[in-house]
């Protein structure tokens, strides 16, 4: 498997949208570090971010919303979202 800038951005997006768990994201990053190749054009950046994700479950490292925002920005993406009000049962 070759991990591209787009692949990594999608994994981060899936996590932020709660389509995958934090634990699954960390597990994916650990697996990728052992078995995958990184896109040549963005090798250093992808390796840096994947390495950071792989240790995000260690208390000393952790991961914040701002970290995800920074990672996506480095990959050439920006976060944009909409908050809407919905009716609740009374």
PDB file of N, CA and C in Angstrom:
ATOM      1  N   UNK A   1       0.843  -1.177   0.000  1.00  0.00           N
ATOM      2  CA  UNK A   1       0.000   0.000   0.000  1.00  0.00           C
ATOM      3  C   UNK A   1       0.889   1.241   0.000  1.00  0.00           C
ATOM      4  N   UNK A   2       0.517   2.214  -0.822  1.00  0.00           N
ATOM      5  CA  UNK A   2       1.224   3.487  -0.846  1.00  0.00           C
ATOM      6  C   UNK A   2       0.323   4.537  -0.207  1.00  0.00           C
ATOM      7  N   UNK A   3       0.827   5.178   0.822  1.00  0.00           N
ATOM      8  CA  UNK A   3       0.082   6.223   1.522  1.00  0.00           C
ATOM      9  C   UNK A   3       0.409   7.552   0.856  1.00  0.00           C
ATOM     10  N   UNK A   4      -0.634   8.222   0.394  1.00  0.00           N
ATOM     11  CA  UNK A   4      -0.474   9.518  -0.260  1.00  0.00           C
ATOM     12  C   UNK A   4      -0.922  10.628   0.683  1.00  0.00           C
ATOM     13  N   UNK A   5      -0.661  11.835   0.264  1.00  0.00           N
ATOM     14  CA  UNK A   5      -1.113  13.012   1.005  1.00  0.00           C
ATOM     15  C   UNK A   5      -2.639  12.962   1.151  1.00  0.00           C
ATOM     16  N   UNK A   6      -3.315  12.595   0.084  1.00  0.00           N
ATOM     17  CA  UNK A   6      -4.779  12.517   0.091  1.00  0.00           C
ATOM     18  C   UNK A   6      -5.275  11.413   1.029  1.00  0.00           C
ATOM     19  N   UNK A   7      -4.611  10.264   1.028  1.00  0.00           N
ATOM     20  CA  UNK A   7      -4.984   9.159   1.921  1.00  0.00           C
ATOM     21  C   UNK A   7      -4.913   9.599   3.378  1.00  0.00           C
ATOM     22  N   UNK A   8      -3.825  10.248   3.726  1.00  0.00           N
ATOM     23  CA  UNK A   8      -3.621  10.701   5.100  1.00  0.00           C
ATOM     24  C   UNK A   8      -4.653  11.759   5.478  1.00  0.00           C
ATOM     25  N   UNK A   9      -4.923  12.691   4.587  1.00  0.00           N
ATOM     26  CA  UNK A   9      -5.934  13.724   4.850  1.00  0.00           C
ATOM     27  C   UNK A   9      -7.300  13.085   5.066  1.00  0.00           C
ATOM     28  N   UNK A  10      -7.621  12.045   4.298  1.00  0.00           N
ATOM     29  CA  UNK A  10      -8.919  11.375   4.453  1.00  0.00           C
ATOM     30  C   UNK A  10      -9.012  10.656   5.792  1.00  0.00           C
ATOM     31  N   UNK A  11      -7.929  10.036   6.230  1.00  0.00           N
ATOM     32  CA  UNK A  11      -7.924   9.373   7.543  1.00  0.00           C
ATOM     33  C   UNK A  11      -8.163  10.385   8.663  1.00  0.00           C
ATOM     34  N   UNK A  12      -7.503  11.534   8.582  1.00  0.00           N
ATOM     35  CA  UNK A  12      -7.708  12.577   9.590  1.00  0.00           C
ATOM     36  C   UNK A  12      -9.144  13.106   9.543  1.00  0.00           C
ATOM     37  N   UNK A  13      -9.662  13.302   8.355  1.00  0.00           N
ATOM     38  CA  UNK A  13     -11.038  13.783   8.194  1.00  0.00           C
ATOM     39  C   UNK A  13     -12.026  12.770   8.752  1.00  0.00           C
ATOM     40  N   UNK A  14     -11.822  11.504   8.466  1.00  0.00           N
ATOM     41  CA  UNK A  14     -12.699  10.461   9.003  1.00  0.00           C
ATOM     42  C   UNK A  14     -12.712  10.491  10.529  1.00  0.00           C
ATOM     43  N   UNK A  15     -11.559  10.711  11.117  1.00  0.00           N
ATOM     44  CA  UNK A  15     -11.482  10.794  12.575  1.00  0.00           C
ATOM     45  C   UNK A  15     -12.254  12.021  13.089  1.00  0.00           C
ATOM     46  N   UNK A  16     -12.025  13.176  12.484  1.00  0.00           N
ATOM     47  CA  UNK A  16     -12.689  14.403  12.940  1.00  0.00           C
ATOM     48  C   UNK A  16     -14.203  14.340  12.773  1.00  0.00           C
ATOM     49  N   UNK A  17     -14.665  13.595  11.774  1.00  0.00           N
ATOM     50  CA  UNK A  17     -16.104  13.450  11.539  1.00  0.00           C
ATOM     51  C   UNK A  17     -16.701  12.262  12.301  1.00  0.00           C
ATOM     52  N   UNK A  18     -15.906  11.640  13.150  1.00  0.00           N
ATOM     53  CA  UNK A  18     -16.333  10.497  13.960  1.00  0.00           C
ATOM     54  C   UNK A  18     -16.724   9.282  13.117  1.00  0.00           C
ATOM     55  N   UNK A  19     -16.104   9.151  11.946  1.00  0.00           N
ATOM     56  CA  UNK A  19     -16.327   7.969  11.116  1.00  0.00           C
ATOM     57  C   UNK A  19     -15.357   6.854  11.501  1.00  0.00           C
ATOM     58  N   UNK A  20     -14.346   7.209  12.274  1.00  0.00           N
ATOM     59  CA  UNK A  20     -13.400   6.239  12.811  1.00  0.00           C
ATOM     60  C   UNK A  20     -13.011   6.704  14.217  1.00  0.00           C
ATOM     61  N   UNK A  21     -12.579   5.786  15.016  1.00  0.00           N
ATOM     62  CA  UNK A  21     -12.216   6.130  16.391  1.00  0.00           C
ATOM     63  C   UNK A  21     -10.756   6.567  16.472  1.00  0.00           C
ATOM     64  N   UNK A  22     -10.436   7.207  17.565  1.00  0.00           N
ATOM     65  CA  UNK A  22      -9.056   7.608  17.840  1.00  0.00           C
ATOM     66  C   UNK A  22      -8.153   6.377  17.847  1.00  0.00           C
ATOM     67  N   UNK A  23      -8.605   5.342  18.518  1.00  0.00           N
ATOM     68  CA  UNK A  23      -7.834   4.111  18.608  1.00  0.00           C
ATOM     69  C   UNK A  23      -7.579   3.512  17.224  1.00  0.00           C
ATOM     70  N   UNK A  24      -8.592   3.522  16.359  1.00  0.00           N
ATOM     71  CA  UNK A  24      -8.425   3.000  15.001  1.00  0.00           C
ATOM     72  C   UNK A  24      -7.447   3.843  14.190  1.00  0.00           C
ATOM     73  N   UNK A  25      -7.473   5.159  14.382  1.00  0.00           N
ATOM     74  CA  UNK A  25      -6.542   6.043  13.686  1.00  0.00           C
ATOM     75  C   UNK A  25      -5.105   5.752  14.114  1.00  0.00           C
ATOM     76  N   UNK A  26      -4.893   5.605  15.410  1.00  0.00           N
ATOM     77  CA  UNK A  26      -3.559   5.295  15.933  1.00  0.00           C
ATOM     78  C   UNK A  26      -3.103   3.924  15.429  1.00  0.00           C
ATOM     79  N   UNK A  27      -3.987   2.939  15.477  1.00  0.00           N
ATOM     80  CA  UNK A  27      -3.641   1.595  14.993  1.00  0.00           C
ATOM     81  C   UNK A  27      -3.257   1.633  13.513  1.00  0.00           C
ATOM     82  N   UNK A  28      -4.035   2.374  12.722  1.00  0.00           N
ATOM     83  CA  UNK A  28      -3.736   2.519  11.293  1.00  0.00           C
ATOM     84  C   UNK A  28      -2.341   3.120  11.105  1.00  0.00           C
ATOM     85  N   UNK A  29      -2.044   4.178  11.843  1.00  0.00           N
ATOM     86  CA  UNK A  29      -0.742   4.839  11.719  1.00  0.00           C
ATOM     87  C   UNK A  29       0.397   3.889  12.098  1.00  0.00           C
ATOM     88  N   UNK A  30       0.207   3.118  13.150  1.00  0.00           N
ATOM     89  CA  UNK A  30       1.239   2.158  13.565  1.00  0.00           C
ATOM     90  C   UNK A  30       1.456   1.103  12.489  1.00  0.00           C
ATOM     91  N   UNK A  31       0.381   0.608  11.900  1.00  0.00           N
ATOM     92  CA  UNK A  31       0.475  -0.391  10.834  1.00  0.00           C
ATOM     93  C   UNK A  31       1.173   0.192   9.607  1.00  0.00           C
ATOM     94  N   UNK A  32       0.798   1.400   9.257  1.00  0.00           N
ATOM     95  CA  UNK A  32       1.389   2.069   8.099  1.00  0.00           C
ATOM     96  C   UNK A  32       2.891   2.260   8.289  1.00  0.00           C
ATOM     97  N   UNK A  33       3.309   2.617   9.489  1.00  0.00           N
ATOM     98  CA  UNK A  33       4.738   2.808   9.754  1.00  0.00           C
ATOM     99  C   UNK A  33       5.525   1.512   9.533  1.00  0.00           C
ATOM    100  N   UNK A  34       4.896   0.381   9.778  1.00  0.00           N
ATOM    101  CA  UNK A  34       5.588  -0.896   9.639  1.00  0.00           C
ATOM    102  C   UNK A  34       5.535  -1.448   8.214  1.00  0.00           C
ATOM    103  N   UNK A  35       4.380  -1.278   7.543  1.00  0.00           N
ATOM    104  CA  UNK A  35       4.163  -2.025   6.302  1.00  0.00           C
ATOM    105  C   UNK A  35       3.965  -1.219   5.030  1.00  0.00           C
ATOM    106  N   UNK A  36       3.767   0.065   5.109  1.00  0.00           N
ATOM    107  CA  UNK A  36       3.403   0.826   3.916  1.00  0.00           C
ATOM    108  C   UNK A  36       4.568   1.633   3.361  1.00  0.00           C
ATOM    109  N   UNK A  37       4.385   2.082   2.147  1.00  0.00           N
ATOM    110  CA  UNK A  37       5.306   3.015   1.523  1.00  0.00           C
ATOM    111  C   UNK A  37       4.602   4.363   1.463  1.00  0.00           C
ATOM    112  N   UNK A  38       5.388   5.420   1.423  1.00  0.00           N
ATOM    113  CA  UNK A  38       4.832   6.762   1.354  1.00  0.00           C
ATOM    114  C   UNK A  38       5.078   7.360  -0.024  1.00  0.00           C
ATOM    115  N   UNK A  39       4.123   8.135  -0.467  1.00  0.00           N
ATOM    116  CA  UNK A  39       4.224   8.846  -1.734  1.00  0.00           C
ATOM    117  C   UNK A  39       5.567   9.600  -1.790  1.00  0.00           C
ATOM    118  N   UNK A  40       6.321   9.419  -2.856  1.00  0.00           N
ATOM    119  CA  UNK A  40       7.651  10.035  -2.976  1.00  0.00           C
ATOM    120  C   UNK A  40       7.615  11.552  -2.867  1.00  0.00           C
ATOM    121  N   UNK A  41       6.665  12.181  -3.525  1.00  0.00           N
ATOM    122  CA  UNK A  41       6.620  13.642  -3.586  1.00  0.00           C
ATOM    123  C   UNK A  41       6.459  14.287  -2.211  1.00  0.00           C
ATOM    124  N   UNK A  42       5.774  13.611  -1.303  1.00  0.00           N
ATOM    125  CA  UNK A  42       5.510  14.167   0.029  1.00  0.00           C
ATOM    126  C   UNK A  42       6.021  13.238   1.134  1.00  0.00           C
ATOM    127  N   UNK A  43       7.044  12.469   0.826  1.00  0.00           N
ATOM    128  CA  UNK A  43       7.539  11.438   1.740  1.00  0.00           C
ATOM    129  C   UNK A  43       7.794  11.957   3.156  1.00  0.00           C
ATOM    130  N   UNK A  44       8.606  12.983   3.295  1.00  0.00           N
ATOM    131  CA  UNK A  44       8.998  13.481   4.627  1.00  0.00           C
ATOM    132  C   UNK A  44       7.793  13.965   5.428  1.00  0.00           C
ATOM    133  N   UNK A  45       6.905  14.713   4.788  1.00  0.00           N
ATOM    134  CA  UNK A  45       5.730  15.251   5.469  1.00  0.00           C
ATOM    135  C   UNK A  45       4.795  14.128   5.925  1.00  0.00           C
ATOM    136  N   UNK A  46       4.523  13.193   5.042  1.00  0.00           N
ATOM    137  CA  UNK A  46       3.645  12.074   5.382  1.00  0.00           C
ATOM    138  C   UNK A  46       4.251  11.265   6.515  1.00  0.00           C
ATOM    139  N   UNK A  47       5.534  10.970   6.420  1.00  0.00           N
ATOM    140  CA  UNK A  47       6.201  10.202   7.477  1.00  0.00           C
ATOM    141  C   UNK A  47       6.132  10.938   8.819  1.00  0.00           C
ATOM    142  N   UNK A  48       6.359  12.239   8.802  1.00  0.00           N
ATOM    143  CA  UNK A  48       6.308  13.044  10.032  1.00  0.00           C
ATOM    144  C   UNK A  48       4.920  12.960  10.692  1.00  0.00           C
ATOM    145  N   UNK A  49       3.880  13.130   9.905  1.00  0.00           N
ATOM    146  CA  UNK A  49       2.522  13.133  10.460  1.00  0.00           C
ATOM    147  C   UNK A  49       2.110  11.729  10.907  1.00  0.00           C
ATOM    148  N   UNK A  50       2.394  10.723  10.098  1.00  0.00           N
ATOM    149  CA  UNK A  50       2.037   9.347  10.463  1.00  0.00           C
ATOM    150  C   UNK A  50       2.777   8.934  11.735  1.00  0.00           C
ATOM    151  N   UNK A  51       4.041   9.307  11.851  1.00  0.00           N
ATOM    152  CA  UNK A  51       4.806   8.997  13.061  1.00  0.00           C
ATOM    153  C   UNK A  51       4.147   9.632  14.276  1.00  0.00           C
ATOM    154  N   UNK A  52       3.734  10.861  14.140  1.00  0.00           N
ATOM    155  CA  UNK A  52       3.071  11.585  15.240  1.00  0.00           C
ATOM    156  C   UNK A  52       1.745  10.926  15.606  1.00  0.00           C
ATOM    157  N   UNK A  53       0.987  10.497  14.598  1.00  0.00           N
ATOM    158  CA  UNK A  53      -0.282   9.810  14.868  1.00  0.00           C
ATOM    159  C   UNK A  53      -0.050   8.474  15.567  1.00  0.00           C
ATOM    160  N   UNK A  54       1.019   7.812  15.217  1.00  0.00           N
ATOM    161  CA  UNK A  54       1.317   6.509  15.797  1.00  0.00           C
ATOM    162  C   UNK A  54       1.606   6.544  17.283  1.00  0.00           C
ATOM    163  N   UNK A  55       1.999   7.702  17.807  1.00  0.00           N
ATOM    164  CA  UNK A  55       2.267   7.825  19.244  1.00  0.00           C
ATOM    165  C   UNK A  55       1.226   8.698  19.946  1.00  0.00           C
ATOM    166  N   UNK A  56       0.174   9.062  19.244  1.00  0.00           N
ATOM    167  CA  UNK A  56      -0.836   9.972  19.805  1.00  0.00           C
ATOM    168  C   UNK A  56      -1.574   9.379  20.998  1.00  0.00           C
ATOM    169  N   UNK A  57      -1.533   8.070  21.152  1.00  0.00           N
ATOM    170  CA  UNK A  57      -2.213   7.443  22.287  1.00  0.00           C
ATOM    171  C   UNK A  57      -1.352   7.429  23.548  1.00  0.00           C
ATOM    172  N   UNK A  58      -0.131   7.925  23.449  1.00  0.00           N
ATOM    173  CA  UNK A  58       0.754   8.042  24.609  1.00  0.00           C
ATOM    174  C   UNK A  58       0.469   9.392  25.263  1.00  0.00           C
ATOM    175  N   UNK A  59       0.216   9.377  26.538  1.00  0.00           N
ATOM    176  CA  UNK A  59      -0.196  10.592  27.249  1.00  0.00           C
ATOM    177  C   UNK A  59       0.725  11.794  26.992  1.00  0.00           C
ATOM    178  N   UNK A  60       2.004  11.551  26.941  1.00  0.00           N
ATOM    179  CA  UNK A  60       2.965  12.644  26.749  1.00  0.00           C
ATOM    180  C   UNK A  60       2.813  13.316  25.386  1.00  0.00           C
ATOM    181  N   UNK A  61       2.244  12.618  24.410  1.00  0.00           N
ATOM    182  CA  UNK A  61       2.096  13.180  23.072  1.00  0.00           C
ATOM    183  C   UNK A  61       0.667  13.668  22.847  1.00  0.00           C
ATOM    184  N   UNK A  62      -0.319  12.789  22.985  1.00  0.00           N
ATOM    185  CA  UNK A  62      -1.708  13.176  22.792  1.00  0.00           C
ATOM    186  C   UNK A  62      -1.959  13.766  21.418  1.00  0.00           C
ATOM    187  N   UNK A  63      -3.193  14.244  21.219  1.00  0.00           N
ATOM    188  CA  UNK A  63      -3.536  14.890  19.960  1.00  0.00           C
ATOM    189  C   UNK A  63      -4.750  15.778  20.183  1.00  0.00           C
ATOM    190  N   UNK A  64      -4.661  17.002  19.738  1.00  0.00           N
ATOM    191  CA  UNK A  64      -5.743  17.965  19.896  1.00  0.00           C
ATOM    192  C   UNK A  64      -6.368  18.292  18.544  1.00  0.00           C
ATOM    193  N   UNK A  65      -7.483  19.006  18.598  1.00  0.00           N
ATOM    194  CA  UNK A  65      -8.124  19.511  17.386  1.00  0.00           C
ATOM    195  C   UNK A  65      -7.116  20.351  16.599  1.00  0.00           C
ATOM    196  N   UNK A  66      -6.376  21.188  17.316  1.00  0.00           N
ATOM    197  CA  UNK A  66      -5.393  22.055  16.674  1.00  0.00           C
ATOM    198  C   UNK A  66      -4.304  21.252  15.968  1.00  0.00           C
ATOM    199  N   UNK A  67      -3.918  20.127  16.553  1.00  0.00           N
ATOM    200  CA  UNK A  67      -2.940  19.249  15.897  1.00  0.00           C
ATOM    201  C   UNK A  67      -3.490  18.758  14.556  1.00  0.00           C
ATOM    202  N   UNK A  68      -4.729  18.294  14.567  1.00  0.00           N
ATOM    203  CA  UNK A  68      -5.358  17.807  13.333  1.00  0.00           C
ATOM    204  C   UNK A  68      -5.452  18.926  12.298  1.00  0.00           C
ATOM    205  N   UNK A  69      -5.824  20.103  12.761  1.00  0.00           N
ATOM    206  CA  UNK A  69      -5.923  21.254  11.868  1.00  0.00           C
ATOM    207  C   UNK A  69      -4.554  21.570  11.247  1.00  0.00           C
ATOM    208  N   UNK A  70      -3.507  21.525  12.069  1.00  0.00           N
ATOM    209  CA  UNK A  70      -2.152  21.774  11.574  1.00  0.00           C
ATOM    210  C   UNK A  70      -1.714  20.702  10.579  1.00  0.00           C
ATOM    211  N   UNK A  71      -1.979  19.435  10.895  1.00  0.00           N
ATOM    212  CA  UNK A  71      -1.617  18.346   9.986  1.00  0.00           C
ATOM    213  C   UNK A  71      -2.289  18.542   8.629  1.00  0.00           C
ATOM    214  N   UNK A  72      -3.594  18.814   8.653  1.00  0.00           N
ATOM    215  CA  UNK A  72      -4.332  18.993   7.404  1.00  0.00           C
ATOM    216  C   UNK A  72      -3.816  20.207   6.636  1.00  0.00           C
ATOM    217  N   UNK A  73      -3.482  21.262   7.334  1.00  0.00           N
ATOM    218  CA  UNK A  73      -2.940  22.449   6.684  1.00  0.00           C
ATOM    219  C   UNK A  73      -1.614  22.129   5.990  1.00  0.00           C
ATOM    220  N   UNK A  74      -0.745  21.402   6.660  1.00  0.00           N
ATOM    221  CA  UNK A  74       0.530  21.007   6.061  1.00  0.00           C
ATOM    222  C   UNK A  74       0.324  20.141   4.821  1.00  0.00           C
ATOM    223  N   UNK A  75      -0.773  19.379   4.825  1.00  0.00           N
ATOM    224  CA  UNK A  75      -1.090  18.508   3.689  1.00  0.00           C
ATOM    225  C   UNK A  75      -1.794  19.264   2.569  1.00  0.00           C
ATOM    226  N   UNK A  76      -2.103  20.541   2.792  1.00  0.00           N
ATOM    227  CA  UNK A  76      -2.740  21.351   1.759  1.00  0.00           C
ATOM    228  C   UNK A  76      -4.249  21.443   1.873  1.00  0.00           C
ATOM    229  N   UNK A  77      -4.781  21.167   3.057  1.00  0.00           N
ATOM    230  CA  UNK A  77      -6.228  21.206   3.285  1.00  0.00           C
ATOM    231  C   UNK A  77      -6.536  22.173   4.417  1.00  0.00           C
ATOM    232  N   UNK A  78      -7.774  22.647   4.443  1.00  0.00           N
ATOM    233  CA  UNK A  78      -8.218  23.445   5.581  1.00  0.00           C
ATOM    234  C   UNK A  78      -9.565  22.918   6.031  1.00  0.00           C
ATOM    235  N   UNK A  79      -9.821  23.073   7.306  1.00  0.00           N
ATOM    236  CA  UNK A  79     -11.068  22.591   7.901  1.00  0.00           C
ATOM    237  C   UNK A  79     -12.124  23.678   7.785  1.00  0.00           C
ATOM    238  N   UNK A  80     -13.294  23.259   7.363  1.00  0.00           N
ATOM    239  CA  UNK A  80     -14.437  24.157   7.287  1.00  0.00           C
ATOM    240  C   UNK A  80     -15.658  23.342   7.697  1.00  0.00           C
ATOM    241  N   UNK A  81     -16.473  23.905   8.592  1.00  0.00           N
ATOM    242  CA  UNK A  81     -17.658  23.163   8.999  1.00  0.00           C
ATOM    243  C   UNK A  81     -18.796  24.120   9.300  1.00  0.00           C
ATOM    244  N   UNK A  82     -19.998  23.554   9.396  1.00  0.00           N
ATOM    245  CA  UNK A  82     -21.195  24.327   9.660  1.00  0.00           C
ATOM    246  C   UNK A  82     -21.875  23.755  10.891  1.00  0.00           C
ATOM    247  N   UNK A  83     -22.333  24.635  11.764  1.00  0.00           N
ATOM    248  CA  UNK A  83     -23.091  24.224  12.939  1.00  0.00           C
ATOM    249  C   UNK A  83     -24.529  24.653  12.713  1.00  0.00           C
ATOM    250  N   UNK A  84     -25.446  23.717  12.855  1.00  0.00           N
ATOM    251  CA  UNK A  84     -26.865  24.026  12.668  1.00  0.00           C
ATOM    252  C   UNK A  84     -27.643  23.617  13.909  1.00  0.00           C
ATOM    253  N   UNK A  85     -28.679  24.343  14.182  1.00  0.00           N
ATOM    254  CA  UNK A  85     -29.553  24.032  15.311  1.00  0.00           C
ATOM    255  C   UNK A  85     -30.603  23.040  14.858  1.00  0.00           C
ATOM    256  N   UNK A  86     -30.917  22.104  15.719  1.00  0.00           N
ATOM    257  CA  UNK A  86     -31.979  21.165  15.398  1.00  0.00           C
ATOM    258  C   UNK A  86     -32.955  21.147  16.553  1.00  0.00           C
ATOM    259  N   UNK A  87     -34.178  20.780  16.249  1.00  0.00           N
ATOM    260  CA  UNK A  87     -35.229  20.749  17.266  1.00  0.00           C
ATOM    261  C   UNK A  87     -35.031  19.549  18.168  1.00  0.00           C
ATOM    262  N   UNK A  88     -35.220  19.749  19.443  1.00  0.00           N
ATOM    263  CA  UNK A  88     -35.120  18.651  20.401  1.00  0.00           C
ATOM    264  C   UNK A  88     -36.507  18.336  20.912  1.00  0.00           C
ATOM    265  N   UNK A  89     -36.680  17.132  21.346  1.00  0.00           N
ATOM    266  CA  UNK A  89     -37.979  16.733  21.904  1.00  0.00           C
ATOM    267  C   UNK A  89     -38.188  17.437  23.244  1.00  0.00           C
ATOM    268  N   UNK A  90     -39.384  17.943  23.440  1.00  0.00           N
ATOM    269  CA  UNK A  90     -39.687  18.662  24.678  1.00  0.00           C
ATOM    270  C   UNK A  90     -40.257  17.753  25.726  1.00  0.00           C
TER     271      UNK A  90
END
